[in-house]
Amino acid sequence: YEDDCGVEIELDPIALCCDWTEYETAVEAAKDYAREFDDESDALDFLRDKSLVVEFQSGILVQNF
């Protein structure tokens, strides 16, 4: 982005910490938003409808909503 726009951007790790939450499972994340799911796939679908979800090997990141 910097190369295309010619504007230097500074990484703000505090903003990232405030905007995203890490969970071990989608079921666990959905519980934080008052939804109970037994199935990981259903929980992921719910979260994807509400927010951005990034899956990785040991869990997921959910953009706070």
C-alpha atoms as a PDB file:
ATOM      1  CA  TYR A   1       0.000   0.000   0.000  1.00  0.00           C
ATOM      2  CA  GLU A   2       2.824   2.375   0.873  1.00  0.00           C
ATOM      3  CA  ASP A   3       4.518   1.796  -2.490  1.00  0.00           C
ATOM      4  CA  ASP A   4       1.293   2.474  -4.399  1.00  0.00           C
ATOM      5  CA  CYS A   5       0.303   5.614  -2.487  1.00  0.00           C
ATOM      6  CA  GLY A   6       3.686   7.013  -1.560  1.00  0.00           C
ATOM      7  CA  VAL A   7       2.515   7.505   2.030  1.00  0.00           C
ATOM      8  CA  GLU A   8       4.358   5.864   4.906  1.00  0.00           C
ATOM      9  CA  ILE A   9       2.084   3.970   7.280  1.00  0.00           C
ATOM     10  CA  GLU A  10       3.005   3.150  10.856  1.00  0.00           C
ATOM     11  CA  LEU A  11       1.853  -0.149  12.390  1.00  0.00           C
ATOM     12  CA  ASP A  12      -0.398   0.451  15.399  1.00  0.00           C
ATOM     13  CA  PRO A  13      -0.373  -2.789  17.450  1.00  0.00           C
ATOM     14  CA  ILE A  14      -2.665  -1.327  20.117  1.00  0.00           C
ATOM     15  CA  ALA A  15      -5.367  -0.665  17.522  1.00  0.00           C
ATOM     16  CA  LEU A  16      -5.012  -4.234  16.269  1.00  0.00           C
ATOM     17  CA  CYS A  17      -5.442  -5.576  19.800  1.00  0.00           C
ATOM     18  CA  CYS A  18      -8.581  -3.488  20.276  1.00  0.00           C
ATOM     19  CA  ASP A  19     -10.118  -4.422  16.914  1.00  0.00           C
ATOM     20  CA  TRP A  20      -9.537  -8.194  16.955  1.00  0.00           C
ATOM     21  CA  THR A  21     -10.003 -11.022  19.461  1.00  0.00           C
ATOM     22  CA  GLU A  22      -8.304 -14.426  19.284  1.00  0.00           C
ATOM     23  CA  TYR A  23     -10.212 -17.633  20.107  1.00  0.00           C
ATOM     24  CA  GLU A  24      -9.344 -21.311  20.080  1.00  0.00           C
ATOM     25  CA  THR A  25     -12.640 -22.244  18.377  1.00  0.00           C
ATOM     26  CA  ALA A  26     -15.536 -20.576  16.601  1.00  0.00           C
ATOM     27  CA  VAL A  27     -17.932 -22.098  19.141  1.00  0.00           C
ATOM     28  CA  GLU A  28     -16.045 -20.280  21.901  1.00  0.00           C
ATOM     29  CA  ALA A  29     -16.179 -17.003  19.930  1.00  0.00           C
ATOM     30  CA  ALA A  30     -19.907 -17.304  19.275  1.00  0.00           C
ATOM     31  CA  LYS A  31     -20.522 -17.706  23.028  1.00  0.00           C
ATOM     32  CA  ASP A  32     -19.012 -14.237  23.552  1.00  0.00           C
ATOM     33  CA  TYR A  33     -21.783 -12.910  21.312  1.00  0.00           C
ATOM     34  CA  ALA A  34     -24.552 -14.755  23.219  1.00  0.00           C
ATOM     35  CA  ARG A  35     -25.007 -17.548  20.670  1.00  0.00           C
ATOM     36  CA  GLU A  36     -24.674 -21.238  21.520  1.00  0.00           C
ATOM     37  CA  PHE A  37     -23.532 -23.649  18.818  1.00  0.00           C
ATOM     38  CA  ASP A  38     -22.519 -27.300  19.068  1.00  0.00           C
ATOM     39  CA  ASP A  39     -21.156 -27.384  15.537  1.00  0.00           C
ATOM     40  CA  GLU A  40     -17.960 -25.514  14.589  1.00  0.00           C
ATOM     41  CA  SER A  41     -19.186 -24.976  11.021  1.00  0.00           C
ATOM     42  CA  ASP A  42     -22.450 -23.349  12.162  1.00  0.00           C
ATOM     43  CA  ALA A  43     -20.550 -21.087  14.548  1.00  0.00           C
ATOM     44  CA  LEU A  44     -18.162 -20.031  11.768  1.00  0.00           C
ATOM     45  CA  ASP A  45     -21.092 -19.240   9.457  1.00  0.00           C
ATOM     46  CA  PHE A  46     -22.676 -17.081  12.181  1.00  0.00           C
ATOM     47  CA  LEU A  47     -19.427 -15.198  12.798  1.00  0.00           C
ATOM     48  CA  ARG A  48     -18.751 -14.688   9.088  1.00  0.00           C
ATOM     49  CA  ASP A  49     -22.230 -13.171   8.685  1.00  0.00           C
ATOM     50  CA  LYS A  50     -21.434 -10.626  11.399  1.00  0.00           C
ATOM     51  CA  SER A  51     -17.727  -9.897  11.007  1.00  0.00           C
ATOM     52  CA  LEU A  52     -14.383 -10.755   9.447  1.00  0.00           C
ATOM     53  CA  VAL A  53     -12.919 -14.092  10.514  1.00  0.00           C
ATOM     54  CA  VAL A  54      -9.328 -15.229  10.000  1.00  0.00           C
ATOM     55  CA  GLU A  55      -8.686 -18.921  10.560  1.00  0.00           C
ATOM     56  CA  PHE A  56      -5.233 -20.227  11.394  1.00  0.00           C
ATOM     57  CA  GLN A  57      -3.740 -23.474  12.631  1.00  0.00           C
ATOM     58  CA  SER A  58      -4.347 -23.004  16.367  1.00  0.00           C
ATOM     59  CA  GLY A  59      -7.519 -20.893  16.378  1.00  0.00           C
ATOM     60  CA  ILE A  60      -9.337 -17.961  14.799  1.00  0.00           C
ATOM     61  CA  LEU A  61      -9.291 -14.184  14.904  1.00  0.00           C
ATOM     62  CA  VAL A  62     -12.600 -12.318  14.894  1.00  0.00           C
ATOM     63  CA  GLN A  63     -12.895  -8.624  14.209  1.00  0.00           C
ATOM     64  CA  ASN A  64     -14.883  -7.230  17.132  1.00  0.00           C
ATOM     65  CA  PHE A  65     -18.486  -6.294  16.347  1.00  0.00           C
END
